[in-house]
Amino acid sequence: MRLAQHSNRFASPLIPRAAWGSVTTDAAGVAPDRAPVPDRKEVAPDADTGTDAVTGAFSYSGRAIAGRLLSKGRAVRTLTGHPERAGPQSPIDVRSLDFADPAGLVTSLTGVTTLYNTYWVRFAHGRVDHTAAATNSRILFEAARRAGVHKIVHVSILHPSTDSPYPYFRGKALVEQALADSGVRYAALRPSVLFDENGVLLNNIAWLLRKVPVFAVGGDGSYRVRPTHLDDLADLAVDAATWSDDRVVDAVGPERPTFLELVGLIREAVGSRARIVHVPPPLLLGASRVLGAVLRDVLLTPEEFHSMAEGLADSDAPATGHVGVSEWVRAHAGDLGRSYANELDRHFR
């Protein structure tokens, strides 16, 4: 993924955390370039059924949101493509996420107050690409409307755009448009890099730093990211269900390290001796494909690298989360990167 030639400039000490960009939050956590739309009518308290639905409650962000809801005494129903992941003692009501059966989706969503949607695909695989995922999302939102769901809280991505050259970001923009068109009250939360003990990106960076003698960073590594702890995203999602207006929010953490700083932070925390080197993007992506073939996974797509290098994983919006990535990495350095997190194993095998 990140192996290549050496440049002494990129082996310099980690830039102090105080030099990282950081922002503070406000009460609403609304991105400064987006004003909330006018309020819709509040749902009457007696209209709350006490039941919420989460797509993919046994996956990554869905699991965190479902856990928050259960801790608050909510009944949780999940629409999932992996019902086998429910344990025998699971308190979650399991339903099928079958986009070919819209009537079944309506039935599964009937009696639900809030739908938390985490459905998406990181990259095209098999017959499902980002365009298909956007179409599926529209089907889901229409089913929610027909079922009488009061609100949809949707997990999106920073900087979606129908004009984007990247299918991931175009698809996410189409989903947000479908959400706005659904006729259901909504909140769209836009994170970029998510992290916790079960995350992929930070863990696999640490794994590589533990295993390889050199770690390659594409370009100059000066592009910034706004990592968000998964617990902060889950808290924001559950809070968003109470907002009376339709709102689009950048769901971002309190720190804005450059990617090079982030790699240096992880390297220092795990005690790696790997040399951080600077390589041209084509070499980085070629090495990533080779290593991915060995690991039987997709480490890094061209779209992921180029969008991050163009600043699409960064935001200057107020922080909505409280957990800083630097302190978290240091606190979890003993376990971080001890094993490789395989994306294809998690979602497709």
Protein backbone atom coordinates (compact mmCIF):
# COMPACT_ATOMS: atom_id res chain seq x y z
CA MET A 1 0.00 0.00 0.00
CA ARG A 2 2.66 2.53 0.99
CA LEU A 3 6.11 1.27 0.00
CA ALA A 4 8.60 3.21 -2.06
CA GLN A 5 11.60 5.50 -2.35
CA HIS A 6 13.01 7.51 0.54
CA SER A 7 13.08 11.25 1.06
CA ASN A 8 14.78 12.54 4.19
CA ARG A 9 12.36 15.46 4.36
CA PHE A 10 9.56 13.04 5.26
CA ALA A 11 11.46 11.39 8.11
CA SER A 12 11.40 14.57 10.19
CA PRO A 13 9.96 14.53 13.73
CA LEU A 14 6.21 14.71 14.17
CA ILE A 15 4.91 18.26 14.12
CA PRO A 16 3.64 19.15 17.61
CA ARG A 17 -0.08 18.66 18.09
CA ALA A 18 -0.45 22.34 18.94
CA ALA A 19 0.39 23.14 15.33
CA TRP A 20 -2.48 21.03 14.03
CA GLY A 21 -5.59 22.83 12.88
CA SER A 22 -8.35 22.57 15.48
CA VAL A 23 -11.77 24.07 15.88
CA THR A 24 -14.38 24.31 18.57
CA THR A 25 -18.01 23.33 18.40
CA ASP A 26 -21.17 25.35 18.70
CA ALA A 27 -24.54 24.27 20.04
CA ALA A 28 -25.95 23.26 16.69
CA GLY A 29 -22.78 21.96 15.07
CA VAL A 30 -23.88 23.25 11.69
CA ALA A 31 -21.29 23.76 8.95
CA PRO A 32 -20.80 27.52 8.54
CA ASP A 33 -21.59 27.47 4.84
CA ARG A 34 -24.95 25.79 5.33
CA ALA A 35 -27.92 27.36 7.08
CA PRO A 36 -30.63 25.04 8.45
CA VAL A 37 -33.83 24.99 6.43
CA PRO A 38 -36.97 26.33 8.09
CA ASP A 39 -38.44 24.18 10.86
CA ARG A 40 -40.99 21.55 10.08
CA LYS A 41 -43.77 20.76 12.48
CA GLU A 42 -42.62 18.88 15.57
CA VAL A 43 -43.79 15.28 15.93
CA ALA A 44 -46.15 15.07 18.88
CA PRO A 45 -44.65 13.21 21.89
CA ASP A 46 -47.38 10.58 21.74
CA ALA A 47 -46.41 9.85 18.12
CA ASP A 48 -43.12 8.35 19.31
CA THR A 49 -43.48 4.59 19.05
CA GLY A 50 -40.37 3.90 21.12
CA THR A 51 -38.94 1.90 18.22
CA ASP A 52 -36.17 2.98 15.86
CA ALA A 53 -34.60 1.23 12.87
CA VAL A 54 -30.92 1.08 11.95
CA THR A 55 -29.61 -0.24 8.67
CA GLY A 56 -26.66 -2.55 9.29
CA ALA A 57 -26.88 -2.69 13.08
CA PHE A 58 -24.25 -5.46 13.09
CA SER A 59 -21.77 -3.55 10.96
CA TYR A 60 -19.50 -0.64 11.89
CA SER A 61 -21.31 2.69 12.37
CA GLY A 62 -24.69 0.95 12.56
CA ARG A 63 -23.56 -1.12 15.52
CA ALA A 64 -22.48 1.99 17.42
CA ILE A 65 -25.76 3.80 16.75
CA ALA A 66 -27.82 0.75 17.72
CA GLY A 67 -25.86 0.44 20.95
CA ARG A 68 -26.57 4.05 21.83
CA LEU A 69 -30.28 3.60 21.18
CA LEU A 70 -30.47 0.44 23.29
CA SER A 71 -28.67 2.19 26.16
CA LYS A 72 -31.40 4.85 26.08
CA GLY A 73 -34.15 2.26 26.34
CA ARG A 74 -35.21 2.38 22.70
CA ALA A 75 -36.41 -0.74 20.91
CA VAL A 76 -34.16 -1.32 17.91
CA ARG A 77 -35.03 -2.96 14.63
CA THR A 78 -32.39 -3.55 11.98
CA LEU A 79 -32.62 -3.94 8.24
CA THR A 80 -29.56 -5.95 7.27
CA GLY A 81 -28.08 -8.11 4.57
CA HIS A 82 -26.28 -10.15 7.25
CA PRO A 83 -28.95 -11.53 9.62
CA GLU A 84 -26.57 -14.35 10.59
CA ARG A 85 -24.48 -11.82 12.54
CA ALA A 86 -27.18 -11.46 15.20
CA GLY A 87 -26.23 -13.36 18.32
CA PRO A 88 -28.74 -15.71 19.97
CA GLN A 89 -29.33 -13.22 22.79
CA SER A 90 -29.45 -10.13 20.61
CA PRO A 91 -32.16 -7.66 21.69
CA ILE A 92 -32.40 -6.34 18.12
CA ASP A 93 -35.36 -7.21 15.90
CA VAL A 94 -33.79 -8.43 12.64
CA ARG A 95 -35.40 -7.75 9.25
CA SER A 96 -34.13 -8.16 5.70
CA LEU A 97 -32.64 -5.24 3.77
CA ASP A 98 -34.00 -6.37 0.40
CA PHE A 99 -34.23 -3.52 -2.07
CA ALA A 100 -35.97 -5.80 -4.59
CA ASP A 101 -38.92 -6.01 -2.17
CA PRO A 102 -40.12 -2.43 -1.50
CA ALA A 103 -43.35 -3.69 0.06
CA GLY A 104 -41.31 -5.77 2.48
CA LEU A 105 -39.27 -2.71 3.40
CA VAL A 106 -42.48 -0.79 4.13
CA THR A 107 -43.64 -3.60 6.41
CA SER A 108 -40.29 -3.69 8.20
CA LEU A 109 -40.34 0.08 8.77
CA THR A 110 -43.95 0.34 9.91
CA GLY A 111 -44.09 1.45 13.53
CA VAL A 112 -40.62 3.05 13.42
CA THR A 113 -40.09 6.59 14.70
CA THR A 114 -36.59 7.25 13.35
CA LEU A 115 -34.65 5.45 10.64
CA TYR A 116 -30.86 5.66 10.99
CA ASN A 117 -29.37 4.94 7.60
CA THR A 118 -25.75 3.77 7.37
CA TYR A 119 -26.16 1.81 4.13
CA TRP A 120 -23.45 2.41 1.54
CA VAL A 121 -20.60 0.72 -0.31
CA ARG A 122 -16.99 1.82 0.00
CA PHE A 123 -16.14 0.67 -3.54
CA ALA A 124 -17.88 -1.11 -6.40
CA HIS A 125 -18.00 -4.85 -5.83
CA GLY A 126 -19.91 -7.44 -7.80
CA ARG A 127 -23.14 -5.98 -9.16
CA VAL A 128 -23.32 -3.10 -6.69
CA ASP A 129 -21.60 0.19 -7.47
CA HIS A 130 -22.20 3.69 -6.14
CA THR A 131 -24.96 4.44 -8.64
CA ALA A 132 -26.79 1.27 -7.63
CA ALA A 133 -26.30 2.11 -3.96
CA ALA A 134 -27.83 5.55 -4.54
CA THR A 135 -30.82 3.97 -6.28
CA ASN A 136 -31.22 1.52 -3.40
CA SER A 137 -31.14 4.39 -0.93
CA ARG A 138 -33.95 6.16 -2.77
CA ILE A 139 -36.02 2.96 -2.58
CA LEU A 140 -35.36 2.80 1.16
CA PHE A 141 -36.36 6.42 1.75
CA GLU A 142 -39.57 5.98 -0.22
CA ALA A 143 -40.37 2.91 1.87
CA ALA A 144 -39.78 4.97 5.02
CA ARG A 145 -42.19 7.63 3.78
CA ARG A 146 -44.87 5.07 2.98
CA ALA A 147 -44.37 3.39 6.37
CA GLY A 148 -44.91 6.68 8.23
CA VAL A 149 -41.38 7.01 9.60
CA HIS A 150 -41.12 10.40 11.32
CA LYS A 151 -37.44 11.13 10.65
CA ILE A 152 -34.41 9.80 8.77
CA VAL A 153 -30.91 10.33 10.14
CA HIS A 154 -28.50 9.59 7.32
CA VAL A 155 -24.73 9.06 7.52
CA SER A 156 -23.20 10.73 4.48
CA ILE A 157 -19.66 11.95 3.69
CA LEU A 158 -17.83 15.27 3.63
CA HIS A 159 -18.17 17.23 0.39
CA PRO A 160 -20.64 15.17 -1.67
CA SER A 161 -21.28 16.71 -5.07
CA THR A 162 -23.11 15.70 -8.22
CA ASP A 163 -20.29 17.44 -10.13
CA SER A 164 -17.56 15.42 -8.44
CA PRO A 165 -15.22 13.39 -10.68
CA TYR A 166 -15.42 10.63 -8.09
CA PRO A 167 -18.32 8.12 -8.17
CA TYR A 168 -18.30 7.80 -4.37
CA PHE A 169 -18.96 11.52 -3.85
CA ARG A 170 -21.43 11.75 -6.74
CA GLY A 171 -23.35 8.83 -5.34
CA LYS A 172 -23.45 10.32 -1.87
CA ALA A 173 -24.78 13.59 -3.34
CA LEU A 174 -27.53 11.67 -5.12
CA VAL A 175 -28.48 10.03 -1.83
CA GLU A 176 -28.69 13.39 -0.07
CA GLN A 177 -30.90 14.65 -2.90
CA ALA A 178 -33.15 11.62 -2.52
CA LEU A 179 -33.30 12.31 1.20
CA ALA A 180 -34.36 15.92 0.63
CA ASP A 181 -36.96 14.74 -1.90
CA SER A 182 -38.39 12.04 0.36
CA GLY A 183 -40.90 14.23 2.20
CA VAL A 184 -39.63 12.87 5.53
CA ARG A 185 -37.88 15.08 8.08
CA TYR A 186 -34.17 14.41 7.95
CA ALA A 187 -30.64 15.05 9.16
CA ALA A 188 -27.58 14.28 7.05
CA LEU A 189 -24.34 13.79 8.97
CA ARG A 190 -21.09 14.13 7.04
CA PRO A 191 -18.01 12.47 8.57
CA SER A 192 -14.80 11.55 6.75
CA VAL A 193 -12.39 9.26 8.62
CA LEU A 194 -14.04 7.29 11.43
CA PHE A 195 -11.99 5.59 14.11
CA ASP A 196 -12.34 3.37 17.17
CA GLU A 197 -11.05 -0.03 18.27
CA ASN A 198 -12.74 -1.74 15.30
CA GLY A 199 -11.87 0.81 12.64
CA VAL A 200 -9.98 0.02 9.46
CA LEU A 201 -7.83 2.95 8.33
CA LEU A 202 -5.89 3.80 11.49
CA ASN A 203 -5.54 0.14 12.42
CA ASN A 204 -4.13 -0.83 9.03
CA ILE A 205 -1.73 2.11 8.99
CA ALA A 206 -0.45 0.87 12.35
CA TRP A 207 -0.29 -2.72 11.07
CA LEU A 208 1.84 -1.67 8.10
CA LEU A 209 4.10 0.44 10.31
CA ARG A 210 4.67 -2.61 12.51
CA LYS A 211 5.39 -4.89 9.54
CA VAL A 212 7.31 -2.97 6.87
CA PRO A 213 10.68 -1.19 6.90
CA VAL A 214 9.37 1.78 4.91
CA PHE A 215 5.95 3.41 4.78
CA ALA A 216 5.18 5.48 1.71
CA VAL A 217 3.01 8.59 1.74
CA GLY A 218 1.63 9.72 -1.60
CA GLY A 219 2.48 13.27 -2.60
CA ASP A 220 3.70 15.65 0.06
CA GLY A 221 1.29 14.38 2.73
CA SER A 222 0.18 17.90 3.62
CA TYR A 223 -3.50 17.20 2.97
CA ARG A 224 -5.54 17.35 6.16
CA VAL A 225 -8.13 14.98 7.60
CA ARG A 226 -10.82 15.45 10.28
CA PRO A 227 -11.04 12.09 12.07
CA THR A 228 -14.22 11.46 14.06
CA HIS A 229 -14.49 8.92 16.85
CA LEU A 230 -17.31 6.48 16.24
CA ASP A 231 -18.86 7.15 19.64
CA ASP A 232 -19.06 10.85 18.81
CA LEU A 233 -20.81 10.06 15.53
CA ALA A 234 -23.28 7.78 17.32
CA ASP A 235 -24.04 10.45 19.92
CA LEU A 236 -24.59 13.03 17.20
CA ALA A 237 -26.87 10.70 15.26
CA VAL A 238 -29.09 9.99 18.25
CA ASP A 239 -29.20 13.70 19.10
CA ALA A 240 -30.08 14.52 15.48
CA ALA A 241 -33.34 12.61 15.86
CA THR A 242 -34.53 15.37 18.20
CA TRP A 243 -33.77 18.29 15.86
CA SER A 244 -36.90 20.06 14.69
CA ASP A 245 -35.39 21.24 11.41
CA ASP A 246 -33.90 19.50 8.39
CA ARG A 247 -30.15 19.85 8.81
CA VAL A 248 -26.90 18.94 7.06
CA VAL A 249 -23.91 18.83 9.42
CA ASP A 250 -20.22 18.11 8.96
CA ALA A 251 -19.65 15.43 11.62
CA VAL A 252 -16.01 16.07 12.45
CA GLY A 253 -13.61 15.71 15.34
CA PRO A 254 -11.64 18.42 17.16
CA GLU A 255 -8.30 17.88 15.38
CA ARG A 256 -7.12 18.45 11.79
CA PRO A 257 -3.75 16.74 11.34
CA THR A 258 -2.16 16.45 7.95
CA PHE A 259 -1.99 12.89 6.72
CA LEU A 260 1.78 12.96 7.22
CA GLU A 261 1.30 14.08 10.83
CA LEU A 262 -1.25 11.32 11.38
CA VAL A 263 1.12 8.65 10.10
CA GLY A 264 3.93 10.08 12.23
CA LEU A 265 1.69 10.07 15.28
CA ILE A 266 0.81 6.40 14.80
CA ARG A 267 4.44 5.49 14.07
CA GLU A 268 5.60 7.09 17.30
CA ALA A 269 2.77 5.57 19.36
CA VAL A 270 3.33 1.97 18.25
CA GLY A 271 7.12 2.24 18.46
CA SER A 272 7.66 1.59 14.75
CA ARG A 273 11.08 2.04 13.16
CA ALA A 274 9.64 2.17 9.66
CA ARG A 275 10.97 5.03 7.57
CA ILE A 276 8.26 7.36 6.25
CA VAL A 277 9.02 8.15 2.62
CA HIS A 278 7.56 10.33 -0.08
CA VAL A 279 6.44 8.72 -3.36
CA PRO A 280 4.56 9.78 -6.49
CA PRO A 281 0.86 8.82 -6.35
CA PRO A 282 1.06 6.30 -9.25
CA LEU A 283 3.78 4.37 -7.42
CA LEU A 284 1.78 4.42 -4.20
CA LEU A 285 -1.34 3.11 -5.93
CA GLY A 286 0.62 0.42 -7.77
CA ALA A 287 2.19 -0.81 -4.54
CA SER A 288 -1.24 -0.75 -2.91
CA ARG A 289 -2.67 -3.00 -5.64
CA VAL A 290 0.18 -5.49 -5.25
CA LEU A 291 -0.09 -5.64 -1.48
CA GLY A 292 -3.86 -5.82 -1.74
CA ALA A 293 -3.58 -8.87 -3.98
CA VAL A 294 -1.34 -10.53 -1.38
CA LEU A 295 -3.77 -9.71 1.43
CA ARG A 296 -6.86 -10.46 -0.69
CA ASP A 297 -8.27 -7.01 0.09
CA VAL A 298 -8.61 -3.49 -1.30
CA LEU A 299 -6.17 -1.33 0.66
CA LEU A 300 -6.58 1.97 -1.14
CA THR A 301 -8.51 2.96 -4.24
CA PRO A 302 -7.34 5.73 -6.60
CA GLU A 303 -10.51 7.64 -5.75
CA GLU A 304 -9.78 7.45 -2.02
CA PHE A 305 -6.24 8.73 -2.42
CA HIS A 306 -6.97 11.52 -4.90
CA SER A 307 -10.03 12.79 -3.02
CA MET A 308 -8.06 12.92 0.23
CA ALA A 309 -5.12 14.64 -1.49
CA GLU A 310 -7.56 17.24 -2.82
CA GLY A 311 -8.77 18.04 0.69
CA LEU A 312 -12.10 16.21 0.63
CA ALA A 313 -11.41 14.52 3.98
CA ASP A 314 -11.04 17.92 5.64
CA SER A 315 -13.51 20.55 6.81
CA ASP A 316 -13.26 23.87 8.62
CA ALA A 317 -16.66 23.35 10.24
CA PRO A 318 -17.04 23.46 14.05
CA ALA A 319 -16.22 20.18 15.76
CA THR A 320 -19.20 18.01 16.61
CA GLY A 321 -17.09 15.44 18.46
CA HIS A 322 -14.91 15.57 21.55
CA VAL A 323 -12.47 12.66 21.18
CA GLY A 324 -9.16 13.79 19.70
CA VAL A 325 -7.39 11.32 17.45
CA SER A 326 -3.95 12.05 18.95
CA GLU A 327 -4.85 11.15 22.53
CA TRP A 328 -6.87 8.16 21.37
CA VAL A 329 -4.00 6.73 19.32
CA ARG A 330 -1.61 7.06 22.22
CA ALA A 331 -4.08 5.46 24.63
CA HIS A 332 -4.64 2.48 22.31
CA ALA A 333 -1.13 2.07 20.96
CA GLY A 334 -0.67 -1.32 22.60
CA ASP A 335 -3.48 -2.90 20.58
CA LEU A 336 -3.52 -0.78 17.44
CA GLY A 337 -2.37 -2.66 14.34
CA ARG A 338 -1.79 -6.01 16.03
CA SER A 339 -3.87 -7.68 13.32
CA TYR A 340 -4.93 -6.63 9.84
CA ALA A 341 -8.55 -5.49 9.29
CA ASN A 342 -9.71 -6.97 5.97
CA GLU A 343 -12.50 -4.93 4.36
CA LEU A 344 -13.57 -7.67 1.94
CA ASP A 345 -13.79 -10.23 4.76
CA ARG A 346 -15.96 -7.89 6.78
CA HIS A 347 -18.49 -7.09 4.08
CA PHE A 348 -18.36 -9.55 1.22
CA ARG A 349 -17.16 -12.95 2.44
